[in-house]
Amino acid sequence: MEIILIKDVDNLGGRNELIKVKNGYARNFLFPQGLAVEANPSNKKQLEERLKVGKKKEAEMLAQINTVIEKLQDGALRVGAKTGTSGKIFGSVTPLQISRAIKEQKGYDIDRKKISINEEVKELGSYKANIDFGNGKTADVDFEVVGD
C-alpha cells in the first residue's frame, strides 16, 4: 500500500515522503496514530502543493540568510570585557556575549546556540566565531575584544 507520511517515523521515512508499506502496518498503526494518510490522487496533489510551497519558503529563507551573512561580515564586532592590568580578561568571552553584540551592533537576533568560538578567548585582541544557520549555511564573523 502506498502512503504519504505526515510526520517523521523512525526507520521508515521523513515527513512528506511517499512510501510503500504493508496494508496491516498502515491500517493498524500509521493511520490511527495520525502518522500517515493513504496515497490517493487527491492526497498526492496536496503533497505536490505542500512541496512547492516548501521550496518557495526555503528559497526566501536562503535569500534572507545570505543578506544577514553579508551584513555580519561587513565589519568586526566589538565585544567589551572586564580586564586586569595585564590585558587578560576576567573569565572568557562566550557565545552569549557575541549574540548580544550582534543584536546591539548589527540589529539581528541570533541564538547563542548557533554560535561557536574557534578558540578560547582569554585576552584582548581579534578573534573569529562561526555561526551555523542550518541548511549547510555558515558564516565566519570577526570580533574584537576590547576592555571596558
N, C-alpha and C. Protein backbone atom coordinates (compact mmCIF):
# COMPACT_ATOMS: atom_id res chain seq x y z
N MET A 1 0.85 -1.18 0.00
CA MET A 1 0.00 0.00 0.00
C MET A 1 0.89 1.23 0.00
N GLU A 2 0.57 2.20 -0.85
CA GLU A 2 1.30 3.46 -0.89
C GLU A 2 0.68 4.42 0.11
N ILE A 3 1.56 5.08 0.88
CA ILE A 3 1.11 6.06 1.86
C ILE A 3 1.96 7.31 1.77
N ILE A 4 1.44 8.39 2.34
CA ILE A 4 2.18 9.65 2.46
C ILE A 4 2.37 9.90 3.94
N LEU A 5 3.61 10.03 4.37
CA LEU A 5 3.89 10.28 5.79
C LEU A 5 3.58 11.74 6.13
N ILE A 6 2.89 11.91 7.23
CA ILE A 6 2.56 13.25 7.71
C ILE A 6 3.63 13.74 8.69
N LYS A 7 4.22 12.82 9.43
CA LYS A 7 5.27 13.13 10.40
C LYS A 7 6.46 12.21 10.14
N ASP A 8 7.61 12.56 10.70
CA ASP A 8 8.78 11.69 10.61
C ASP A 8 8.52 10.42 11.41
N VAL A 9 8.87 9.27 10.84
CA VAL A 9 8.71 7.99 11.51
C VAL A 9 10.07 7.30 11.47
N ASP A 10 10.58 6.92 12.65
CA ASP A 10 11.88 6.26 12.74
C ASP A 10 11.88 4.99 11.90
N ASN A 11 12.98 4.73 11.24
CA ASN A 11 13.21 3.54 10.43
C ASN A 11 12.23 3.39 9.27
N LEU A 12 11.52 4.46 8.91
CA LEU A 12 10.57 4.37 7.81
C LEU A 12 10.77 5.50 6.81
N GLY A 13 10.77 6.73 7.28
CA GLY A 13 10.95 7.86 6.38
C GLY A 13 10.64 9.18 7.04
N GLY A 14 10.82 10.23 6.28
CA GLY A 14 10.59 11.58 6.79
C GLY A 14 9.26 12.13 6.35
N ARG A 15 8.95 13.29 6.85
CA ARG A 15 7.69 13.97 6.57
C ARG A 15 7.56 14.23 5.07
N ASN A 16 6.34 14.12 4.55
CA ASN A 16 6.01 14.37 3.15
C ASN A 16 6.69 13.40 2.18
N GLU A 17 6.97 12.19 2.62
CA GLU A 17 7.54 11.17 1.75
C GLU A 17 6.45 10.22 1.30
N LEU A 18 6.56 9.76 0.07
CA LEU A 18 5.65 8.79 -0.49
C LEU A 18 6.36 7.44 -0.46
N ILE A 19 5.82 6.49 0.34
CA ILE A 19 6.48 5.19 0.50
C ILE A 19 5.47 4.06 0.43
N LYS A 20 5.99 2.84 0.30
CA LYS A 20 5.14 1.65 0.29
C LYS A 20 5.37 0.88 1.59
N VAL A 21 4.26 0.46 2.22
CA VAL A 21 4.30 -0.36 3.42
C VAL A 21 3.24 -1.46 3.30
N LYS A 22 3.28 -2.40 4.20
CA LYS A 22 2.27 -3.46 4.20
C LYS A 22 0.93 -2.88 4.67
N ASN A 23 -0.16 -3.46 4.14
CA ASN A 23 -1.51 -2.96 4.43
C ASN A 23 -1.81 -2.92 5.93
N GLY A 24 -1.48 -3.98 6.65
CA GLY A 24 -1.79 -4.05 8.07
C GLY A 24 -1.04 -3.00 8.88
N TYR A 25 0.22 -2.77 8.54
CA TYR A 25 1.02 -1.77 9.25
C TYR A 25 0.40 -0.38 9.07
N ALA A 26 -0.05 -0.09 7.84
CA ALA A 26 -0.65 1.21 7.58
C ALA A 26 -1.98 1.35 8.31
N ARG A 27 -2.87 0.35 8.15
CA ARG A 27 -4.21 0.45 8.73
C ARG A 27 -4.22 0.36 10.25
N ASN A 28 -3.34 -0.47 10.83
CA ASN A 28 -3.39 -0.71 12.27
C ASN A 28 -2.49 0.21 13.09
N PHE A 29 -1.48 0.80 12.47
CA PHE A 29 -0.56 1.63 13.26
C PHE A 29 -0.46 3.06 12.72
N LEU A 30 -0.09 3.21 11.46
CA LEU A 30 0.20 4.56 10.94
C LEU A 30 -1.05 5.45 10.84
N PHE A 31 -2.13 4.93 10.31
CA PHE A 31 -3.34 5.74 10.18
C PHE A 31 -3.93 6.13 11.54
N PRO A 32 -4.12 5.16 12.49
CA PRO A 32 -4.69 5.55 13.79
C PRO A 32 -3.82 6.53 14.58
N GLN A 33 -2.50 6.43 14.43
CA GLN A 33 -1.60 7.33 15.15
C GLN A 33 -1.52 8.71 14.50
N GLY A 34 -2.10 8.86 13.32
CA GLY A 34 -2.04 10.14 12.62
C GLY A 34 -0.68 10.40 12.01
N LEU A 35 0.05 9.34 11.70
CA LEU A 35 1.39 9.49 11.13
C LEU A 35 1.40 9.49 9.61
N ALA A 36 0.31 8.98 8.98
CA ALA A 36 0.29 8.87 7.53
C ALA A 36 -1.14 8.93 7.02
N VAL A 37 -1.26 9.17 5.70
CA VAL A 37 -2.54 9.10 5.01
C VAL A 37 -2.36 8.25 3.76
N GLU A 38 -3.45 7.74 3.24
CA GLU A 38 -3.39 6.92 2.04
C GLU A 38 -3.00 7.79 0.85
N ALA A 39 -2.23 7.22 -0.06
CA ALA A 39 -1.74 7.98 -1.21
C ALA A 39 -2.72 7.89 -2.37
N ASN A 40 -3.90 8.49 -2.21
CA ASN A 40 -4.86 8.54 -3.31
C ASN A 40 -4.57 9.79 -4.15
N PRO A 41 -5.19 9.94 -5.31
CA PRO A 41 -4.85 11.07 -6.19
C PRO A 41 -4.99 12.45 -5.53
N SER A 42 -6.03 12.65 -4.73
CA SER A 42 -6.20 13.98 -4.12
C SER A 42 -5.11 14.25 -3.07
N ASN A 43 -4.74 13.24 -2.30
CA ASN A 43 -3.66 13.41 -1.31
C ASN A 43 -2.32 13.62 -2.00
N LYS A 44 -2.12 12.98 -3.16
CA LYS A 44 -0.88 13.20 -3.91
C LYS A 44 -0.79 14.63 -4.43
N LYS A 45 -1.93 15.19 -4.87
CA LYS A 45 -1.95 16.58 -5.32
C LYS A 45 -1.61 17.53 -4.17
N GLN A 46 -2.20 17.25 -2.99
CA GLN A 46 -1.90 18.08 -1.82
C GLN A 46 -0.42 17.99 -1.46
N LEU A 47 0.16 16.80 -1.57
CA LEU A 47 1.59 16.62 -1.29
C LEU A 47 2.43 17.46 -2.25
N GLU A 48 2.11 17.41 -3.54
CA GLU A 48 2.85 18.21 -4.52
C GLU A 48 2.76 19.69 -4.20
N GLU A 49 1.58 20.14 -3.81
CA GLU A 49 1.39 21.56 -3.47
C GLU A 49 2.20 21.93 -2.23
N ARG A 50 2.19 21.07 -1.22
CA ARG A 50 2.98 21.34 0.00
C ARG A 50 4.46 21.41 -0.33
N LEU A 51 4.94 20.52 -1.20
CA LEU A 51 6.35 20.53 -1.58
C LEU A 51 6.71 21.80 -2.35
N LYS A 52 5.81 22.28 -3.23
CA LYS A 52 6.05 23.53 -3.96
C LYS A 52 6.16 24.70 -3.00
N VAL A 53 5.21 24.79 -2.07
CA VAL A 53 5.21 25.88 -1.09
C VAL A 53 6.47 25.81 -0.22
N GLY A 54 6.84 24.59 0.17
CA GLY A 54 8.04 24.41 0.99
C GLY A 54 9.29 24.88 0.27
N LYS A 55 9.41 24.57 -1.01
CA LYS A 55 10.58 25.00 -1.79
C LYS A 55 10.61 26.53 -1.91
N LYS A 56 9.45 27.12 -2.10
CA LYS A 56 9.38 28.59 -2.22
C LYS A 56 9.80 29.26 -0.92
N LYS A 57 9.30 28.74 0.21
CA LYS A 57 9.67 29.30 1.51
C LYS A 57 11.16 29.12 1.78
N GLU A 58 11.70 27.96 1.40
CA GLU A 58 13.12 27.70 1.61
C GLU A 58 13.97 28.66 0.79
N ALA A 59 13.56 28.95 -0.44
CA ALA A 59 14.31 29.89 -1.28
C ALA A 59 14.29 31.29 -0.66
N GLU A 60 13.14 31.71 -0.14
CA GLU A 60 13.05 33.03 0.51
C GLU A 60 13.93 33.07 1.75
N MET A 61 13.92 31.98 2.54
CA MET A 61 14.73 31.93 3.75
C MET A 61 16.22 31.98 3.41
N LEU A 62 16.64 31.28 2.36
CA LEU A 62 18.04 31.31 1.96
C LEU A 62 18.46 32.70 1.52
N ALA A 63 17.57 33.41 0.85
CA ALA A 63 17.88 34.79 0.43
C ALA A 63 18.07 35.68 1.66
N GLN A 64 17.20 35.51 2.67
CA GLN A 64 17.34 36.29 3.90
C GLN A 64 18.64 35.95 4.61
N ILE A 65 18.98 34.66 4.67
CA ILE A 65 20.21 34.24 5.34
C ILE A 65 21.42 34.85 4.64
N ASN A 66 21.40 34.89 3.31
CA ASN A 66 22.52 35.48 2.58
C ASN A 66 22.70 36.96 2.89
N THR A 67 21.60 37.70 3.03
CA THR A 67 21.72 39.12 3.36
C THR A 67 22.25 39.30 4.79
N VAL A 68 21.81 38.44 5.71
CA VAL A 68 22.30 38.51 7.09
C VAL A 68 23.80 38.21 7.12
N ILE A 69 24.23 37.21 6.37
CA ILE A 69 25.66 36.85 6.33
C ILE A 69 26.48 38.02 5.81
N GLU A 70 26.00 38.67 4.75
CA GLU A 70 26.72 39.83 4.20
C GLU A 70 26.85 40.93 5.25
N LYS A 71 25.76 41.23 5.97
CA LYS A 71 25.80 42.28 6.99
C LYS A 71 26.76 41.92 8.13
N LEU A 72 26.76 40.64 8.54
CA LEU A 72 27.61 40.23 9.65
C LEU A 72 29.09 40.28 9.27
N GLN A 73 29.40 40.01 8.01
CA GLN A 73 30.80 40.01 7.59
C GLN A 73 31.26 41.39 7.14
N ASP A 74 30.38 42.37 7.23
CA ASP A 74 30.69 43.73 6.80
C ASP A 74 31.81 44.36 7.62
N GLY A 75 31.78 44.20 8.92
CA GLY A 75 32.81 44.77 9.78
C GLY A 75 32.92 43.95 11.06
N ALA A 76 34.01 44.16 11.78
CA ALA A 76 34.23 43.40 13.01
C ALA A 76 33.31 43.89 14.13
N LEU A 77 32.85 42.96 14.92
CA LEU A 77 32.06 43.30 16.11
C LEU A 77 33.00 43.72 17.23
N ARG A 78 32.50 44.53 18.13
CA ARG A 78 33.28 44.91 19.31
C ARG A 78 32.59 44.33 20.54
N VAL A 79 33.33 43.49 21.25
CA VAL A 79 32.80 42.85 22.45
C VAL A 79 33.58 43.39 23.64
N GLY A 80 32.87 43.98 24.59
CA GLY A 80 33.52 44.53 25.77
C GLY A 80 33.69 43.48 26.85
N ALA A 81 34.81 43.55 27.56
CA ALA A 81 35.07 42.61 28.65
C ALA A 81 35.89 43.30 29.72
N LYS A 82 35.68 42.92 30.97
CA LYS A 82 36.46 43.48 32.06
C LYS A 82 37.84 42.83 32.05
N THR A 83 38.86 43.68 32.21
CA THR A 83 40.23 43.18 32.14
C THR A 83 41.03 43.61 33.35
N GLY A 84 42.10 42.88 33.57
CA GLY A 84 43.04 43.24 34.61
C GLY A 84 44.09 44.18 34.04
N THR A 85 45.10 44.48 34.82
CA THR A 85 46.14 45.40 34.37
C THR A 85 47.02 44.81 33.27
N SER A 86 47.13 43.50 33.18
CA SER A 86 47.99 42.88 32.18
C SER A 86 47.29 42.64 30.84
N GLY A 87 46.02 43.01 30.71
CA GLY A 87 45.29 42.81 29.46
C GLY A 87 44.56 41.49 29.37
N LYS A 88 44.60 40.73 30.46
CA LYS A 88 43.86 39.45 30.46
C LYS A 88 42.43 39.72 30.91
N ILE A 89 41.52 38.90 30.36
CA ILE A 89 40.10 39.05 30.66
C ILE A 89 39.76 38.25 31.91
N PHE A 90 38.86 38.82 32.72
CA PHE A 90 38.32 38.06 33.85
C PHE A 90 37.29 37.09 33.26
N GLY A 91 37.57 35.81 33.27
CA GLY A 91 36.69 34.82 32.64
C GLY A 91 37.05 34.69 31.18
N SER A 92 36.06 34.49 30.31
CA SER A 92 36.30 34.42 28.87
C SER A 92 35.06 34.92 28.13
N VAL A 93 35.23 35.18 26.85
CA VAL A 93 34.11 35.63 26.02
C VAL A 93 33.30 34.40 25.62
N THR A 94 31.98 34.50 25.75
CA THR A 94 31.09 33.39 25.47
C THR A 94 30.22 33.68 24.25
N PRO A 95 29.60 32.66 23.66
CA PRO A 95 28.67 32.90 22.55
C PRO A 95 27.51 33.84 22.91
N LEU A 96 27.11 33.84 24.18
CA LEU A 96 26.05 34.74 24.61
C LEU A 96 26.47 36.20 24.44
N GLN A 97 27.70 36.53 24.78
CA GLN A 97 28.19 37.90 24.63
C GLN A 97 28.26 38.29 23.15
N ILE A 98 28.65 37.35 22.31
CA ILE A 98 28.72 37.63 20.87
C ILE A 98 27.31 37.83 20.32
N SER A 99 26.37 37.02 20.78
CA SER A 99 24.97 37.15 20.35
C SER A 99 24.42 38.52 20.72
N ARG A 100 24.71 38.96 21.94
CA ARG A 100 24.26 40.29 22.37
C ARG A 100 24.91 41.40 21.55
N ALA A 101 26.21 41.24 21.23
CA ALA A 101 26.91 42.24 20.43
C ALA A 101 26.33 42.32 19.02
N ILE A 102 25.97 41.18 18.44
CA ILE A 102 25.36 41.17 17.11
C ILE A 102 24.02 41.90 17.15
N LYS A 103 23.24 41.65 18.20
CA LYS A 103 21.93 42.29 18.32
C LYS A 103 22.08 43.80 18.47
N GLU A 104 23.03 44.25 19.28
CA GLU A 104 23.21 45.69 19.52
C GLU A 104 23.82 46.39 18.31
N GLN A 105 24.83 45.78 17.68
CA GLN A 105 25.59 46.48 16.65
C GLN A 105 25.07 46.25 15.23
N LYS A 106 24.52 45.08 14.96
CA LYS A 106 24.05 44.76 13.60
C LYS A 106 22.53 44.69 13.50
N GLY A 107 21.84 44.54 14.63
CA GLY A 107 20.39 44.53 14.61
C GLY A 107 19.76 43.18 14.33
N TYR A 108 20.52 42.10 14.40
CA TYR A 108 19.98 40.76 14.16
C TYR A 108 20.02 39.95 15.45
N ASP A 109 18.93 39.22 15.68
CA ASP A 109 18.85 38.38 16.88
C ASP A 109 19.22 36.95 16.48
N ILE A 110 20.41 36.51 16.88
CA ILE A 110 20.90 35.18 16.55
C ILE A 110 21.03 34.39 17.84
N ASP A 111 20.50 33.17 17.83
CA ASP A 111 20.53 32.31 19.00
C ASP A 111 21.97 31.97 19.36
N ARG A 112 22.31 32.04 20.62
CA ARG A 112 23.67 31.77 21.08
C ARG A 112 24.10 30.33 20.81
N LYS A 113 23.14 29.42 20.68
CA LYS A 113 23.47 28.02 20.44
C LYS A 113 23.99 27.79 19.03
N LYS A 114 23.74 28.74 18.14
CA LYS A 114 24.22 28.61 16.76
C LYS A 114 25.62 29.19 16.59
N ILE A 115 26.14 29.81 17.64
CA ILE A 115 27.45 30.46 17.57
C ILE A 115 28.49 29.58 18.25
N SER A 116 29.61 29.37 17.56
CA SER A 116 30.72 28.64 18.17
C SER A 116 31.98 29.48 17.98
N ILE A 117 32.77 29.55 19.04
CA ILE A 117 34.01 30.32 19.01
C ILE A 117 35.14 29.33 18.72
N ASN A 118 36.00 29.69 17.76
CA ASN A 118 37.03 28.77 17.29
C ASN A 118 38.10 28.49 18.33
N GLU A 119 38.39 29.44 19.20
CA GLU A 119 39.42 29.25 20.21
C GLU A 119 38.96 29.91 21.51
N GLU A 120 39.61 29.57 22.61
CA GLU A 120 39.24 30.15 23.89
C GLU A 120 39.75 31.59 23.94
N VAL A 121 38.86 32.51 24.30
CA VAL A 121 39.17 33.93 24.31
C VAL A 121 39.43 34.37 25.73
N LYS A 122 40.71 34.58 26.06
CA LYS A 122 41.11 34.98 27.41
C LYS A 122 41.86 36.30 27.44
N GLU A 123 42.17 36.86 26.25
CA GLU A 123 42.93 38.10 26.19
C GLU A 123 42.27 39.06 25.21
N LEU A 124 42.66 40.35 25.29
CA LEU A 124 42.18 41.33 24.33
C LEU A 124 42.75 41.00 22.96
N GLY A 125 42.00 41.33 21.90
CA GLY A 125 42.50 41.08 20.55
C GLY A 125 41.38 40.73 19.60
N SER A 126 41.77 40.29 18.41
CA SER A 126 40.80 39.93 17.37
C SER A 126 40.67 38.42 17.26
N TYR A 127 39.44 37.96 17.08
CA TYR A 127 39.15 36.53 17.02
C TYR A 127 38.07 36.28 15.98
N LYS A 128 37.80 34.99 15.72
CA LYS A 128 36.74 34.60 14.80
C LYS A 128 35.74 33.70 15.51
N ALA A 129 34.47 33.85 15.13
CA ALA A 129 33.40 32.98 15.60
C ALA A 129 32.69 32.42 14.38
N ASN A 130 32.10 31.25 14.52
CA ASN A 130 31.38 30.62 13.42
C ASN A 130 29.89 30.56 13.78
N ILE A 131 29.05 30.95 12.84
CA ILE A 131 27.60 30.91 13.05
C ILE A 131 27.02 29.91 12.06
N ASP A 132 26.26 28.93 12.59
CA ASP A 132 25.64 27.91 11.76
C ASP A 132 24.16 28.23 11.60
N PHE A 133 23.74 28.58 10.38
CA PHE A 133 22.35 28.93 10.12
C PHE A 133 21.51 27.72 9.75
N GLY A 134 22.12 26.55 9.60
CA GLY A 134 21.40 25.36 9.14
C GLY A 134 21.41 25.32 7.62
N ASN A 135 20.93 24.24 7.05
CA ASN A 135 20.89 24.04 5.60
C ASN A 135 22.27 24.19 4.96
N GLY A 136 23.32 23.90 5.73
CA GLY A 136 24.67 23.99 5.20
C GLY A 136 25.21 25.41 5.09
N LYS A 137 24.49 26.38 5.60
CA LYS A 137 24.93 27.78 5.55
C LYS A 137 25.64 28.15 6.85
N THR A 138 26.88 28.55 6.73
CA THR A 138 27.64 29.02 7.89
C THR A 138 28.32 30.33 7.53
N ALA A 139 28.69 31.08 8.56
CA ALA A 139 29.38 32.34 8.35
C ALA A 139 30.45 32.51 9.42
N ASP A 140 31.61 32.99 9.00
CA ASP A 140 32.66 33.34 9.95
C ASP A 140 32.54 34.83 10.24
N VAL A 141 32.50 35.16 11.52
CA VAL A 141 32.34 36.56 11.94
C VAL A 141 33.57 36.96 12.75
N ASP A 142 34.16 38.08 12.37
CA ASP A 142 35.29 38.61 13.11
C ASP A 142 34.76 39.44 14.27
N PHE A 143 35.41 39.28 15.43
CA PHE A 143 35.06 40.14 16.55
C PHE A 143 36.31 40.54 17.29
N GLU A 144 36.25 41.71 17.88
CA GLU A 144 37.38 42.29 18.59
C GLU A 144 37.00 42.44 20.06
N VAL A 145 37.84 41.92 20.93
CA VAL A 145 37.59 42.03 22.36
C VAL A 145 38.32 43.29 22.86
N VAL A 146 37.55 44.19 23.45
CA VAL A 146 38.11 45.43 23.97
C VAL A 146 37.80 45.54 25.46
N GLY A 147 38.61 46.24 26.18
CA GLY A 147 38.41 46.41 27.60
C GLY A 147 37.33 47.42 27.91
N ASP A 148 36.57 47.15 28.98
CA ASP A 148 35.51 48.08 29.42
C ASP A 148 36.10 49.18 30.26
